[in-house]
């Protein structure tokens, strides 16, 4: 996290004016404005593209949208030509709040039938 992103976070999360943060941290306010108005980096652009691809794969997954988890979404992305790890896909899904369906839980009965007992007819 850069100093400028920290100042921006303080401004949005806690309502602290950026001018005060710059003064406290002994940072020139022009540094903050330079960071604020800059172009997105190559990494940020690729992450945004990956987030869109993950969301598109997630929404078209399985019979019902939102079925696949990160391993299956990762397989879809690799088939589409992305070079990305499963953990990166999982992090992207977590950032976006996308959660795959988990299998239904199988409940086991606590009572065991008596195999020696005669079958009952009702």
PDB file of N, CA and C in Angstrom:
ATOM      1  N   UNK A   1       0.856  -1.170   0.000  1.00  0.00           N
ATOM      2  CA  UNK A   1       0.000   0.000   0.000  1.00  0.00           C
ATOM      3  C   UNK A   1       0.900   1.231   0.000  1.00  0.00           C
ATOM      4  N   UNK A   2       0.646   2.111  -0.932  1.00  0.00           N
ATOM      5  CA  UNK A   2       1.443   3.335  -1.006  1.00  0.00           C
ATOM      6  C   UNK A   2       0.918   4.367  -0.005  1.00  0.00           C
ATOM      7  N   UNK A   3       1.705   5.402   0.211  1.00  0.00           N
ATOM      8  CA  UNK A   3       1.302   6.466   1.135  1.00  0.00           C
ATOM      9  C   UNK A   3       0.035   7.142   0.627  1.00  0.00           C
ATOM     10  N   UNK A   4      -0.018   7.359  -0.687  1.00  0.00           N
ATOM     11  CA  UNK A   4      -1.190   8.028  -1.255  1.00  0.00           C
ATOM     12  C   UNK A   4      -2.448   7.176  -1.111  1.00  0.00           C
ATOM     13  N   UNK A   5      -2.317   5.854  -1.303  1.00  0.00           N
ATOM     14  CA  UNK A   5      -3.494   5.000  -1.133  1.00  0.00           C
ATOM     15  C   UNK A   5      -3.919   4.939   0.327  1.00  0.00           C
ATOM     16  N   UNK A   6      -2.945   5.022   1.244  1.00  0.00           N
ATOM     17  CA  UNK A   6      -3.276   5.081   2.667  1.00  0.00           C
ATOM     18  C   UNK A   6      -4.057   6.352   2.978  1.00  0.00           C
ATOM     19  N   UNK A   7      -3.623   7.473   2.413  1.00  0.00           N
ATOM     20  CA  UNK A   7      -4.325   8.749   2.626  1.00  0.00           C
ATOM     21  C   UNK A   7      -5.739   8.668   2.075  1.00  0.00           C
ATOM     22  N   UNK A   8      -5.886   8.059   0.882  1.00  0.00           N
ATOM     23  CA  UNK A   8      -7.216   7.913   0.288  1.00  0.00           C
ATOM     24  C   UNK A   8      -8.102   7.020   1.153  1.00  0.00           C
ATOM     25  N   UNK A   9      -7.519   5.959   1.709  1.00  0.00           N
ATOM     26  CA  UNK A   9      -8.288   5.063   2.571  1.00  0.00           C
ATOM     27  C   UNK A   9      -8.744   5.773   3.840  1.00  0.00           C
ATOM     28  N   UNK A  10      -7.884   6.591   4.414  1.00  0.00           N
ATOM     29  CA  UNK A  10      -8.267   7.343   5.611  1.00  0.00           C
ATOM     30  C   UNK A  10      -9.391   8.320   5.299  1.00  0.00           C
ATOM     31  N   UNK A  11      -9.320   8.889   4.109  1.00  0.00           N
ATOM     32  CA  UNK A  11     -10.343   9.853   3.701  1.00  0.00           C
ATOM     33  C   UNK A  11     -11.694   9.164   3.522  1.00  0.00           C
ATOM     34  N   UNK A  12     -11.709   7.996   2.875  1.00  0.00           N
ATOM     35  CA  UNK A  12     -12.988   7.334   2.614  1.00  0.00           C
ATOM     36  C   UNK A  12     -13.507   6.562   3.822  1.00  0.00           C
ATOM     37  N   UNK A  13     -12.604   5.878   4.540  1.00  0.00           N
ATOM     38  CA  UNK A  13     -13.051   5.030   5.647  1.00  0.00           C
ATOM     39  C   UNK A  13     -13.361   5.802   6.925  1.00  0.00           C
ATOM     40  N   UNK A  14     -12.573   6.832   7.203  1.00  0.00           N
ATOM     41  CA  UNK A  14     -12.706   7.516   8.489  1.00  0.00           C
ATOM     42  C   UNK A  14     -13.062   8.990   8.374  1.00  0.00           C
ATOM     43  N   UNK A  15     -13.171   9.511   7.164  1.00  0.00           N
ATOM     44  CA  UNK A  15     -13.553  10.906   6.985  1.00  0.00           C
ATOM     45  C   UNK A  15     -12.475  11.910   7.343  1.00  0.00           C
ATOM     46  N   UNK A  16     -11.219  11.479   7.370  1.00  0.00           N
ATOM     47  CA  UNK A  16     -10.109  12.381   7.691  1.00  0.00           C
ATOM     48  C   UNK A  16      -9.740  13.136   6.413  1.00  0.00           C
ATOM     49  N   UNK A  17      -9.732  14.451   6.439  1.00  0.00           N
ATOM     50  CA  UNK A  17      -9.376  15.202   5.228  1.00  0.00           C
ATOM     51  C   UNK A  17      -7.963  14.857   4.766  1.00  0.00           C
ATOM     52  N   UNK A  18      -7.795  14.787   3.449  1.00  0.00           N
ATOM     53  CA  UNK A  18      -6.495  14.390   2.912  1.00  0.00           C
ATOM     54  C   UNK A  18      -5.409  15.431   3.216  1.00  0.00           C
ATOM     55  N   UNK A  19      -5.789  16.690   3.359  1.00  0.00           N
ATOM     56  CA  UNK A  19      -4.799  17.726   3.662  1.00  0.00           C
ATOM     57  C   UNK A  19      -4.171  17.485   5.037  1.00  0.00           C
ATOM     58  N   UNK A  20      -5.007  17.085   6.019  1.00  0.00           N
ATOM     59  CA  UNK A  20      -4.478  16.793   7.351  1.00  0.00           C
ATOM     60  C   UNK A  20      -3.568  15.569   7.321  1.00  0.00           C
ATOM     61  N   UNK A  21      -3.971  14.531   6.610  1.00  0.00           N
ATOM     62  CA  UNK A  21      -3.135  13.336   6.509  1.00  0.00           C
ATOM     63  C   UNK A  21      -1.798  13.668   5.868  1.00  0.00           C
ATOM     64  N   UNK A  22      -1.821  14.481   4.830  1.00  0.00           N
ATOM     65  CA  UNK A  22      -0.568  14.871   4.170  1.00  0.00           C
ATOM     66  C   UNK A  22       0.334  15.624   5.146  1.00  0.00           C
ATOM     67  N   UNK A  23      -0.256  16.512   5.943  1.00  0.00           N
ATOM     68  CA  UNK A  23       0.524  17.258   6.917  1.00  0.00           C
ATOM     69  C   UNK A  23       1.121  16.328   7.976  1.00  0.00           C
ATOM     70  N   UNK A  24       0.294  15.416   8.507  1.00  0.00           N
ATOM     71  CA  UNK A  24       0.757  14.502   9.551  1.00  0.00           C
ATOM     72  C   UNK A  24       1.859  13.579   9.047  1.00  0.00           C
ATOM     73  N   UNK A  25       1.733  13.134   7.796  1.00  0.00           N
ATOM     74  CA  UNK A  25       2.716  12.200   7.244  1.00  0.00           C
ATOM     75  C   UNK A  25       3.875  12.909   6.549  1.00  0.00           C
ATOM     76  N   UNK A  26       3.834  14.240   6.547  1.00  0.00           N
ATOM     77  CA  UNK A  26       4.851  15.065   5.904  1.00  0.00           C
ATOM     78  C   UNK A  26       5.011  14.706   4.423  1.00  0.00           C
ATOM     79  N   UNK A  27       3.864  14.651   3.755  1.00  0.00           N
ATOM     80  CA  UNK A  27       3.815  14.357   2.322  1.00  0.00           C
ATOM     81  C   UNK A  27       3.247  15.576   1.628  1.00  0.00           C
ATOM     82  N   UNK A  28       3.837  15.924   0.509  1.00  0.00           N
ATOM     83  CA  UNK A  28       3.339  17.047  -0.270  1.00  0.00           C
ATOM     84  C   UNK A  28       1.973  16.674  -0.863  1.00  0.00           C
ATOM     85  N   UNK A  29       0.946  17.527  -0.740  1.00  0.00           N
ATOM     86  CA  UNK A  29      -0.378  17.202  -1.293  1.00  0.00           C
ATOM     87  C   UNK A  29      -0.349  16.933  -2.801  1.00  0.00           C
ATOM     88  N   UNK A  30       0.624  17.513  -3.501  1.00  0.00           N
ATOM     89  CA  UNK A  30       0.691  17.253  -4.944  1.00  0.00           C
ATOM     90  C   UNK A  30       0.994  15.778  -5.224  1.00  0.00           C
ATOM     91  N   UNK A  31       1.686  15.105  -4.304  1.00  0.00           N
ATOM     92  CA  UNK A  31       1.945  13.674  -4.459  1.00  0.00           C
ATOM     93  C   UNK A  31       0.641  12.892  -4.428  1.00  0.00           C
ATOM     94  N   UNK A  32      -0.248  13.271  -3.510  1.00  0.00           N
ATOM     95  CA  UNK A  32      -1.552  12.616  -3.430  1.00  0.00           C
ATOM     96  C   UNK A  32      -2.357  12.850  -4.700  1.00  0.00           C
ATOM     97  N   UNK A  33      -2.392  14.088  -5.197  1.00  0.00           N
ATOM     98  CA  UNK A  33      -3.162  14.383  -6.401  1.00  0.00           C
ATOM     99  C   UNK A  33      -2.566  13.715  -7.627  1.00  0.00           C
ATOM    100  N   UNK A  34      -1.237  13.606  -7.679  1.00  0.00           N
ATOM    101  CA  UNK A  34      -0.584  12.913  -8.786  1.00  0.00           C
ATOM    102  C   UNK A  34      -1.004  11.446  -8.794  1.00  0.00           C
ATOM    103  N   UNK A  35      -1.042  10.816  -7.612  1.00  0.00           N
ATOM    104  CA  UNK A  35      -1.467   9.427  -7.506  1.00  0.00           C
ATOM    105  C   UNK A  35      -2.942   9.283  -7.859  1.00  0.00           C
ATOM    106  N   UNK A  36      -3.753  10.250  -7.434  1.00  0.00           N
ATOM    107  CA  UNK A  36      -5.193  10.181  -7.640  1.00  0.00           C
ATOM    108  C   UNK A  36      -5.558  10.249  -9.118  1.00  0.00           C
ATOM    109  N   UNK A  37      -4.852  11.067  -9.895  1.00  0.00           N
ATOM    110  CA  UNK A  37      -5.189  11.296 -11.306  1.00  0.00           C
ATOM    111  C   UNK A  37      -4.368  10.447 -12.268  1.00  0.00           C
ATOM    112  N   UNK A  38      -3.611   9.489 -11.771  1.00  0.00           N
ATOM    113  CA  UNK A  38      -2.756   8.702 -12.645  1.00  0.00           C
ATOM    114  C   UNK A  38      -3.559   7.666 -13.433  1.00  0.00           C
ATOM    115  N   UNK A  39      -2.951   7.174 -14.498  1.00  0.00           N
ATOM    116  CA  UNK A  39      -3.552   6.101 -15.293  1.00  0.00           C
ATOM    117  C   UNK A  39      -3.406   4.786 -14.524  1.00  0.00           C
ATOM    118  N   UNK A  40      -4.330   3.854 -14.711  1.00  0.00           N
ATOM    119  CA  UNK A  40      -4.169   2.560 -14.044  1.00  0.00           C
ATOM    120  C   UNK A  40      -2.934   1.833 -14.581  1.00  0.00           C
ATOM    121  N   UNK A  41      -2.268   1.104 -13.711  1.00  0.00           N
ATOM    122  CA  UNK A  41      -1.077   0.369 -14.108  1.00  0.00           C
ATOM    123  C   UNK A  41      -1.467  -0.863 -14.915  1.00  0.00           C
ATOM    124  N   UNK A  42      -0.471  -1.486 -15.525  1.00  0.00           N
ATOM    125  CA  UNK A  42      -0.720  -2.702 -16.303  1.00  0.00           C
ATOM    126  C   UNK A  42      -1.308  -3.803 -15.415  1.00  0.00           C
ATOM    127  N   UNK A  43      -0.811  -3.904 -14.198  1.00  0.00           N
ATOM    128  CA  UNK A  43      -1.312  -4.911 -13.267  1.00  0.00           C
ATOM    129  C   UNK A  43      -2.778  -4.654 -12.912  1.00  0.00           C
ATOM    130  N   UNK A  44      -3.128  -3.407 -12.667  1.00  0.00           N
ATOM    131  CA  UNK A  44      -4.524  -3.073 -12.337  1.00  0.00           C
ATOM    132  C   UNK A  44      -5.449  -3.338 -13.523  1.00  0.00           C
ATOM    133  N   UNK A  45      -4.967  -3.050 -14.744  1.00  0.00           N
ATOM    134  CA  UNK A  45      -5.784  -3.324 -15.936  1.00  0.00           C
ATOM    135  C   UNK A  45      -6.008  -4.826 -16.107  1.00  0.00           C
ATOM    136  N   UNK A  46      -4.931  -5.623 -15.927  1.00  0.00           N
ATOM    137  CA  UNK A  46      -5.073  -7.066 -16.079  1.00  0.00           C
ATOM    138  C   UNK A  46      -5.996  -7.632 -14.998  1.00  0.00           C
ATOM    139  N   UNK A  47      -5.891  -7.099 -13.777  1.00  0.00           N
ATOM    140  CA  UNK A  47      -6.755  -7.569 -12.699  1.00  0.00           C
ATOM    141  C   UNK A  47      -8.221  -7.250 -13.001  1.00  0.00           C
ATOM    142  N   UNK A  48      -8.478  -6.081 -13.569  1.00  0.00           N
ATOM    143  CA  UNK A  48      -9.856  -5.725 -13.927  1.00  0.00           C
ATOM    144  C   UNK A  48     -10.387  -6.644 -15.024  1.00  0.00           C
ATOM    145  N   UNK A  49      -9.544  -6.959 -16.015  1.00  0.00           N
ATOM    146  CA  UNK A  49      -9.956  -7.878 -17.069  1.00  0.00           C
ATOM    147  C   UNK A  49     -10.214  -9.273 -16.507  1.00  0.00           C
ATOM    148  N   UNK A  50      -9.339  -9.708 -15.591  1.00  0.00           N
ATOM    149  CA  UNK A  50      -9.521 -11.019 -14.968  1.00  0.00           C
ATOM    150  C   UNK A  50     -10.812 -11.060 -14.157  1.00  0.00           C
ATOM    151  N   UNK A  51     -11.099  -9.993 -13.416  1.00  0.00           N
ATOM    152  CA  UNK A  51     -12.338  -9.947 -12.631  1.00  0.00           C
ATOM    153  C   UNK A  51     -13.560 -10.080 -13.538  1.00  0.00           C
ATOM    154  N   UNK A  52     -13.532  -9.418 -14.691  1.00  0.00           N
ATOM    155  CA  UNK A  52     -14.653  -9.521 -15.633  1.00  0.00           C
ATOM    156  C   UNK A  52     -14.777 -10.938 -16.177  1.00  0.00           C
ATOM    157  N   UNK A  53     -13.636 -11.562 -16.516  1.00  0.00           N
ATOM    158  CA  UNK A  53     -13.660 -12.926 -17.051  1.00  0.00           C
ATOM    159  C   UNK A  53     -14.145 -13.917 -16.003  1.00  0.00           C
ATOM    160  N   UNK A  54     -13.719 -13.741 -14.762  1.00  0.00           N
ATOM    161  CA  UNK A  54     -14.144 -14.634 -13.670  1.00  0.00           C
ATOM    162  C   UNK A  54     -15.644 -14.500 -13.454  1.00  0.00           C
ATOM    163  N   UNK A  55     -16.132 -13.269 -13.444  1.00  0.00           N
ATOM    164  CA  UNK A  55     -17.567 -13.055 -13.226  1.00  0.00           C
ATOM    165  C   UNK A  55     -18.394 -13.633 -14.365  1.00  0.00           C
ATOM    166  N   UNK A  56     -17.921 -13.468 -15.608  1.00  0.00           N
ATOM    167  CA  UNK A  56     -18.645 -14.016 -16.756  1.00  0.00           C
ATOM    168  C   UNK A  56     -18.670 -15.538 -16.701  1.00  0.00           C
ATOM    169  N   UNK A  57     -17.555 -16.159 -16.353  1.00  0.00           N
ATOM    170  CA  UNK A  57     -17.503 -17.620 -16.251  1.00  0.00           C
ATOM    171  C   UNK A  57     -18.384 -18.112 -15.116  1.00  0.00           C
ATOM    172  N   UNK A  58     -18.380 -17.395 -14.002  1.00  0.00           N
ATOM    173  CA  UNK A  58     -19.186 -17.779 -12.848  1.00  0.00           C
ATOM    174  C   UNK A  58     -20.677 -17.693 -13.162  1.00  0.00           C
ATOM    175  N   UNK A  59     -21.070 -16.643 -13.873  1.00  0.00           N
ATOM    176  CA  UNK A  59     -22.499 -16.441 -14.158  1.00  0.00           C
ATOM    177  C   UNK A  59     -23.040 -17.410 -15.200  1.00  0.00           C
ATOM    178  N   UNK A  60     -22.170 -17.981 -16.018  1.00  0.00           N
ATOM    179  CA  UNK A  60     -22.625 -18.938 -17.027  1.00  0.00           C
ATOM    180  C   UNK A  60     -22.298 -20.369 -16.638  1.00  0.00           C
ATOM    181  N   UNK A  61     -21.963 -20.618 -15.386  1.00  0.00           N
ATOM    182  CA  UNK A  61     -21.499 -21.931 -14.950  1.00  0.00           C
ATOM    183  C   UNK A  61     -22.642 -22.882 -14.667  1.00  0.00           C
ATOM    184  N   UNK A  62     -22.467 -24.126 -15.117  1.00  0.00           N
ATOM    185  CA  UNK A  62     -23.393 -25.196 -14.783  1.00  0.00           C
ATOM    186  C   UNK A  62     -24.802 -24.968 -15.292  1.00  0.00           C
ATOM    187  N   UNK A  63     -25.729 -25.760 -14.755  1.00  0.00           N
ATOM    188  CA  UNK A  63     -27.134 -25.620 -15.133  1.00  0.00           C
ATOM    189  C   UNK A  63     -27.731 -24.348 -14.559  1.00  0.00           C
ATOM    190  N   UNK A  64     -27.339 -24.026 -13.342  1.00  0.00           N
ATOM    191  CA  UNK A  64     -27.802 -22.795 -12.694  1.00  0.00           C
ATOM    192  C   UNK A  64     -26.634 -21.830 -12.609  1.00  0.00           C
ATOM    193  N   UNK A  65     -26.863 -20.550 -12.861  1.00  0.00           N
ATOM    194  CA  UNK A  65     -25.758 -19.596 -12.714  1.00  0.00           C
ATOM    195  C   UNK A  65     -25.223 -19.589 -11.292  1.00  0.00           C
ATOM    196  N   UNK A  66     -23.911 -19.461 -11.175  1.00  0.00           N
ATOM    197  CA  UNK A  66     -23.302 -19.406  -9.859  1.00  0.00           C
ATOM    198  C   UNK A  66     -23.039 -20.759  -9.244  1.00  0.00           C
ATOM    199  N   UNK A  67     -22.897 -21.795 -10.060  1.00  0.00           N
ATOM    200  CA  UNK A  67     -22.680 -23.138  -9.544  1.00  0.00           C
ATOM    201  C   UNK A  67     -21.213 -23.407  -9.263  1.00  0.00           C
ATOM    202  N   UNK A  68     -20.332 -22.990 -10.161  1.00  0.00           N
ATOM    203  CA  UNK A  68     -18.921 -23.378 -10.089  1.00  0.00           C
ATOM    204  C   UNK A  68     -18.166 -22.609  -9.017  1.00  0.00           C
ATOM    205  N   UNK A  69     -17.202 -23.296  -8.404  1.00  0.00           N
ATOM    206  CA  UNK A  69     -16.262 -22.671  -7.491  1.00  0.00           C
ATOM    207  C   UNK A  69     -14.989 -22.309  -8.232  1.00  0.00           C
ATOM    208  N   UNK A  70     -13.973 -21.922  -7.498  1.00  0.00           N
ATOM    209  CA  UNK A  70     -12.745 -21.443  -8.138  1.00  0.00           C
ATOM    210  C   UNK A  70     -12.024 -22.493  -8.978  1.00  0.00           C
ATOM    211  N   UNK A  71     -11.989 -23.792  -8.613  1.00  0.00           N
ATOM    212  CA  UNK A  71     -11.294 -24.739  -9.484  1.00  0.00           C
ATOM    213  C   UNK A  71     -11.932 -24.872 -10.865  1.00  0.00           C
ATOM    214  N   UNK A  72     -13.265 -24.921 -10.914  1.00  0.00           N
ATOM    215  CA  UNK A  72     -13.937 -25.065 -12.207  1.00  0.00           C
ATOM    216  C   UNK A  72     -13.867 -23.771 -13.009  1.00  0.00           C
ATOM    217  N   UNK A  73     -13.977 -22.631 -12.349  1.00  0.00           N
ATOM    218  CA  UNK A  73     -13.842 -21.345 -13.047  1.00  0.00           C
ATOM    219  C   UNK A  73     -12.428 -21.238 -13.606  1.00  0.00           C
ATOM    220  N   UNK A  74     -11.440 -21.698 -12.825  1.00  0.00           N
ATOM    221  CA  UNK A  74     -10.047 -21.693 -13.296  1.00  0.00           C
ATOM    222  C   UNK A  74      -9.910 -22.520 -14.570  1.00  0.00           C
ATOM    223  N   UNK A  75     -10.529 -23.710 -14.614  1.00  0.00           N
ATOM    224  CA  UNK A  75     -10.477 -24.549 -15.811  1.00  0.00           C
ATOM    225  C   UNK A  75     -11.059 -23.820 -17.018  1.00  0.00           C
ATOM    226  N   UNK A  76     -12.181 -23.139 -16.820  1.00  0.00           N
ATOM    227  CA  UNK A  76     -12.795 -22.385 -17.915  1.00  0.00           C
ATOM    228  C   UNK A  76     -11.863 -21.292 -18.431  1.00  0.00           C
ATOM    229  N   UNK A  77     -11.212 -20.596 -17.517  1.00  0.00           N
ATOM    230  CA  UNK A  77     -10.317 -19.510 -17.913  1.00  0.00           C
ATOM    231  C   UNK A  77      -9.088 -20.037 -18.651  1.00  0.00           C
ATOM    232  N   UNK A  78      -8.552 -21.166 -18.204  1.00  0.00           N
ATOM    233  CA  UNK A  78      -7.401 -21.762 -18.886  1.00  0.00           C
ATOM    234  C   UNK A  78      -7.793 -22.191 -20.296  1.00  0.00           C
ATOM    235  N   UNK A  79      -8.997 -22.742 -20.451  1.00  0.00           N
ATOM    236  CA  UNK A  79      -9.479 -23.111 -21.783  1.00  0.00           C
ATOM    237  C   UNK A  79      -9.627 -21.887 -22.675  1.00  0.00           C
ATOM    238  N   UNK A  80      -9.929 -20.733 -22.088  1.00  0.00           N
ATOM    239  CA  UNK A  80     -10.070 -19.500 -22.856  1.00  0.00           C
ATOM    240  C   UNK A  80      -8.732 -18.816 -23.119  1.00  0.00           C
ATOM    241  N   UNK A  81      -7.631 -19.391 -22.605  1.00  0.00           N
ATOM    242  CA  UNK A  81      -6.317 -18.844 -22.892  1.00  0.00           C
ATOM    243  C   UNK A  81      -5.694 -18.003 -21.790  1.00  0.00           C
ATOM    244  N   UNK A  82      -6.301 -17.943 -20.629  1.00  0.00           N
ATOM    245  CA  UNK A  82      -5.735 -17.180 -19.512  1.00  0.00           C
ATOM    246  C   UNK A  82      -4.626 -17.991 -18.867  1.00  0.00           C
ATOM    247  N   UNK A  83      -3.558 -17.321 -18.458  1.00  0.00           N
ATOM    248  CA  UNK A  83      -2.497 -17.952 -17.678  1.00  0.00           C
ATOM    249  C   UNK A  83      -2.616 -17.395 -16.268  1.00  0.00           C
ATOM    250  N   UNK A  84      -3.306 -18.155 -15.412  1.00  0.00           N
ATOM    251  CA  UNK A  84      -3.628 -17.685 -14.069  1.00  0.00           C
ATOM    252  C   UNK A  84      -3.709 -18.896 -13.148  1.00  0.00           C
ATOM    253  N   UNK A  85      -3.408 -18.694 -11.868  1.00  0.00           N
ATOM    254  CA  UNK A  85      -3.455 -19.798 -10.910  1.00  0.00           C
ATOM    255  C   UNK A  85      -4.837 -19.898 -10.266  1.00  0.00           C
ATOM    256  N   UNK A  86      -5.074 -21.040  -9.645  1.00  0.00           N
ATOM    257  CA  UNK A  86      -6.351 -21.266  -8.957  1.00  0.00           C
ATOM    258  C   UNK A  86      -6.502 -20.280  -7.804  1.00  0.00           C
ATOM    259  N   UNK A  87      -5.396 -20.004  -7.099  1.00  0.00           N
ATOM    260  CA  UNK A  87      -5.473 -19.089  -5.961  1.00  0.00           C
ATOM    261  C   UNK A  87      -5.808 -17.665  -6.404  1.00  0.00           C
ATOM    262  N   UNK A  88      -5.312 -17.248  -7.569  1.00  0.00           N
ATOM    263  CA  UNK A  88      -5.638 -15.921  -8.079  1.00  0.00           C
ATOM    264  C   UNK A  88      -7.119 -15.835  -8.428  1.00  0.00           C
ATOM    265  N   UNK A  89      -7.654 -16.905  -9.014  1.00  0.00           N
ATOM    266  CA  UNK A  89      -9.087 -16.944  -9.334  1.00  0.00           C
ATOM    267  C   UNK A  89      -9.902 -16.921  -8.047  1.00  0.00           C
ATOM    268  N   UNK A  90      -9.461 -17.667  -7.042  1.00  0.00           N
ATOM    269  CA  UNK A  90     -10.172 -17.688  -5.754  1.00  0.00           C
ATOM    270  C   UNK A  90     -10.157 -16.306  -5.104  1.00  0.00           C
ATOM    271  N   UNK A  91      -9.024 -15.606  -5.190  1.00  0.00           N
ATOM    272  CA  UNK A  91      -8.934 -14.262  -4.618  1.00  0.00           C
ATOM    273  C   UNK A  91      -9.849 -13.298  -5.367  1.00  0.00           C
ATOM    274  N   UNK A  92      -9.916 -13.438  -6.685  1.00  0.00           N
ATOM    275  CA  UNK A  92     -10.801 -12.582  -7.480  1.00  0.00           C
ATOM    276  C   UNK A  92     -12.260 -12.835  -7.112  1.00  0.00           C
ATOM    277  N   UNK A  93     -12.617 -14.110  -6.951  1.00  0.00           N
ATOM    278  CA  UNK A  93     -13.993 -14.428  -6.571  1.00  0.00           C
ATOM    279  C   UNK A  93     -14.315 -13.889  -5.188  1.00  0.00           C
ATOM    280  N   UNK A  94     -13.373 -13.974  -4.265  1.00  0.00           N
ATOM    281  CA  UNK A  94     -13.601 -13.466  -2.911  1.00  0.00           C
ATOM    282  C   UNK A  94     -13.773 -11.953  -2.917  1.00  0.00           C
ATOM    283  N   UNK A  95     -12.966 -11.251  -3.718  1.00  0.00           N
ATOM    284  CA  UNK A  95     -13.091  -9.788  -3.811  1.00  0.00           C
ATOM    285  C   UNK A  95     -14.461  -9.382  -4.322  1.00  0.00           C
ATOM    286  N   UNK A  96     -14.995 -10.176  -5.246  1.00  0.00           N
ATOM    287  CA  UNK A  96     -16.284  -9.844  -5.849  1.00  0.00           C
ATOM    288  C   UNK A  96     -17.466 -10.432  -5.095  1.00  0.00           C
ATOM    289  N   UNK A  97     -17.187 -11.243  -4.083  1.00  0.00           N
ATOM    290  CA  UNK A  97     -18.272 -11.843  -3.297  1.00  0.00           C
ATOM    291  C   UNK A  97     -18.955 -12.995  -4.015  1.00  0.00           C
ATOM    292  N   UNK A  98     -18.249 -13.675  -4.925  1.00  0.00           N
ATOM    293  CA  UNK A  98     -18.815 -14.802  -5.667  1.00  0.00           C
ATOM    294  C   UNK A  98     -18.488 -16.093  -4.936  1.00  0.00           C
ATOM    295  N   UNK A  99     -19.521 -16.875  -4.627  1.00  0.00           N
ATOM    296  CA  UNK A  99     -19.337 -18.123  -3.902  1.00  0.00           C
ATOM    297  C   UNK A  99     -20.066 -19.222  -4.661  1.00  0.00           C
ATOM    298  N   UNK A 100     -19.348 -20.297  -4.971  1.00  0.00           N
ATOM    299  CA  UNK A 100     -19.959 -21.422  -5.664  1.00  0.00           C
ATOM    300  C   UNK A 100     -20.859 -22.217  -4.741  1.00  0.00           C
ATOM    301  N   UNK A 101     -21.753 -22.989  -5.362  1.00  0.00           N
ATOM    302  CA  UNK A 101     -22.641 -23.833  -4.573  1.00  0.00           C
ATOM    303  C   UNK A 101     -21.869 -24.981  -3.973  1.00  0.00           C
ATOM    304  N   UNK A 102     -22.110 -25.256  -2.713  1.00  0.00           N
ATOM    305  CA  UNK A 102     -21.488 -26.422  -2.094  1.00  0.00           C
ATOM    306  C   UNK A 102     -22.461 -27.594  -2.210  1.00  0.00           C
ATOM    307  N   UNK A 103     -21.932 -28.821  -2.261  1.00  0.00           N
ATOM    308  CA  UNK A 103     -22.833 -29.968  -2.394  1.00  0.00           C
ATOM    309  C   UNK A 103     -23.739 -30.107  -1.171  1.00  0.00           C
ATOM    310  N   UNK A 104     -24.895 -30.718  -1.405  1.00  0.00           N
ATOM    311  CA  UNK A 104     -25.828 -30.914  -0.302  1.00  0.00           C
ATOM    312  C   UNK A 104     -25.208 -31.830   0.742  1.00  0.00           C
ATOM    313  N   UNK A 105     -25.447 -31.499   1.975  1.00  0.00           N
ATOM    314  CA  UNK A 105     -24.901 -32.283   3.072  1.00  0.00           C
ATOM    315  C   UNK A 105     -25.713 -33.557   3.238  1.00  0.00           C
ATOM    316  N   UNK A 106     -25.031 -34.659   3.365  1.00  0.00           N
ATOM    317  CA  UNK A 106     -25.717 -35.934   3.572  1.00  0.00           C
ATOM    318  C   UNK A 106     -25.867 -36.166   5.067  1.00  0.00           C
ATOM    319  N   UNK A 107     -27.079 -36.356   5.480  1.00  0.00           N
ATOM    320  CA  UNK A 107     -27.341 -36.581   6.903  1.00  0.00           C
ATOM    321  C   UNK A 107     -27.394 -38.079   7.169  1.00  0.00           C
ATOM    322  N   UNK A 108     -26.711 -38.462   8.209  1.00  0.00           N
ATOM    323  CA  UNK A 108     -26.748 -39.858   8.605  1.00  0.00           C
ATOM    324  C   UNK A 108     -27.608 -39.985   9.849  1.00  0.00           C
ATOM    325  N   UNK A 109     -28.345 -41.032   9.885  1.00  0.00           N
ATOM    326  CA  UNK A 109     -29.189 -41.291  11.036  1.00  0.00           C
ATOM    327  C   UNK A 109     -28.335 -41.780  12.199  1.00  0.00           C
ATOM    328  N   UNK A 110     -28.717 -41.421  13.394  1.00  0.00           N
ATOM    329  CA  UNK A 110     -27.976 -41.854  14.570  1.00  0.00           C
ATOM    330  C   UNK A 110     -28.374 -43.253  15.007  1.00  0.00           C
ATOM    331  N   UNK A 111     -29.557 -43.701  14.592  1.00  0.00           N
ATOM    332  CA  UNK A 111     -29.995 -45.046  14.992  1.00  0.00           C
ATOM    333  C   UNK A 111     -29.627 -46.026  13.897  1.00  0.00           C
ATOM    334  N   UNK A 112     -29.204 -47.192  14.333  1.00  0.00           N
ATOM    335  CA  UNK A 112     -28.866 -48.245  13.378  1.00  0.00           C
ATOM    336  C   UNK A 112     -29.951 -49.315  13.441  1.00  0.00           C
ATOM    337  N   UNK A 113     -30.376 -49.757  12.297  1.00  0.00           N
ATOM    338  CA  UNK A 113     -31.429 -50.777  12.323  1.00  0.00           C
ATOM    339  C   UNK A 113     -30.882 -52.116  12.827  1.00  0.00           C
ATOM    340  N   UNK A 114     -31.760 -52.862  13.513  1.00  0.00           N
ATOM    341  CA  UNK A 114     -31.391 -54.174  14.009  1.00  0.00           C
ATOM    342  C   UNK A 114     -31.566 -55.155  12.851  1.00  0.00           C
ATOM    343  N   UNK A 115     -30.457 -55.692  12.386  1.00  0.00           N
ATOM    344  CA  UNK A 115     -30.511 -56.594  11.228  1.00  0.00           C
ATOM    345  C   UNK A 115     -31.185 -57.935  11.570  1.00  0.00           C
ATOM    346  N   UNK A 116     -31.163 -58.304  12.837  1.00  0.00           N
ATOM    347  CA  UNK A 116     -31.751 -59.590  13.254  1.00  0.00           C
ATOM    348  C   UNK A 116     -33.262 -59.488  13.458  1.00  0.00           C
ATOM    349  N   UNK A 117     -33.790 -58.271  13.550  1.00  0.00           N
ATOM    350  CA  UNK A 117     -35.223 -58.106  13.801  1.00  0.00           C
ATOM    351  C   UNK A 117     -36.023 -58.463  12.552  1.00  0.00           C
ATOM    352  N   UNK A 118     -37.223 -58.974  12.800  1.00  0.00           N
ATOM    353  CA  UNK A 118     -38.103 -59.330  11.697  1.00  0.00           C
ATOM    354  C   UNK A 118     -38.670 -58.054  11.081  1.00  0.00           C
ATOM    355  N   UNK A 119     -38.819 -58.004   9.779  1.00  0.00           N
ATOM    356  CA  UNK A 119     -39.378 -56.808   9.143  1.00  0.00           C
ATOM    357  C   UNK A 119     -40.828 -56.596   9.559  1.00  0.00           C
ATOM    358  N   UNK A 120     -41.227 -55.379   9.757  1.00  0.00           N
ATOM    359  CA  UNK A 120     -42.589 -55.054  10.173  1.00  0.00           C
ATOM    360  C   UNK A 120     -43.393 -54.632   8.966  1.00  0.00           C
ATOM    361  N   UNK A 121     -44.669 -55.019   8.993  1.00  0.00           N
ATOM    362  CA  UNK A 121     -45.547 -54.635   7.889  1.00  0.00           C
ATOM    363  C   UNK A 121     -46.587 -53.668   8.435  1.00  0.00           C
ATOM    364  N   UNK A 122     -46.763 -52.598   7.751  1.00  0.00           N
ATOM    365  CA  UNK A 122     -47.767 -51.643   8.189  1.00  0.00           C
ATOM    366  C   UNK A 122     -48.796 -51.410   7.144  1.00  0.00           C
TER     367      UNK A 122
END
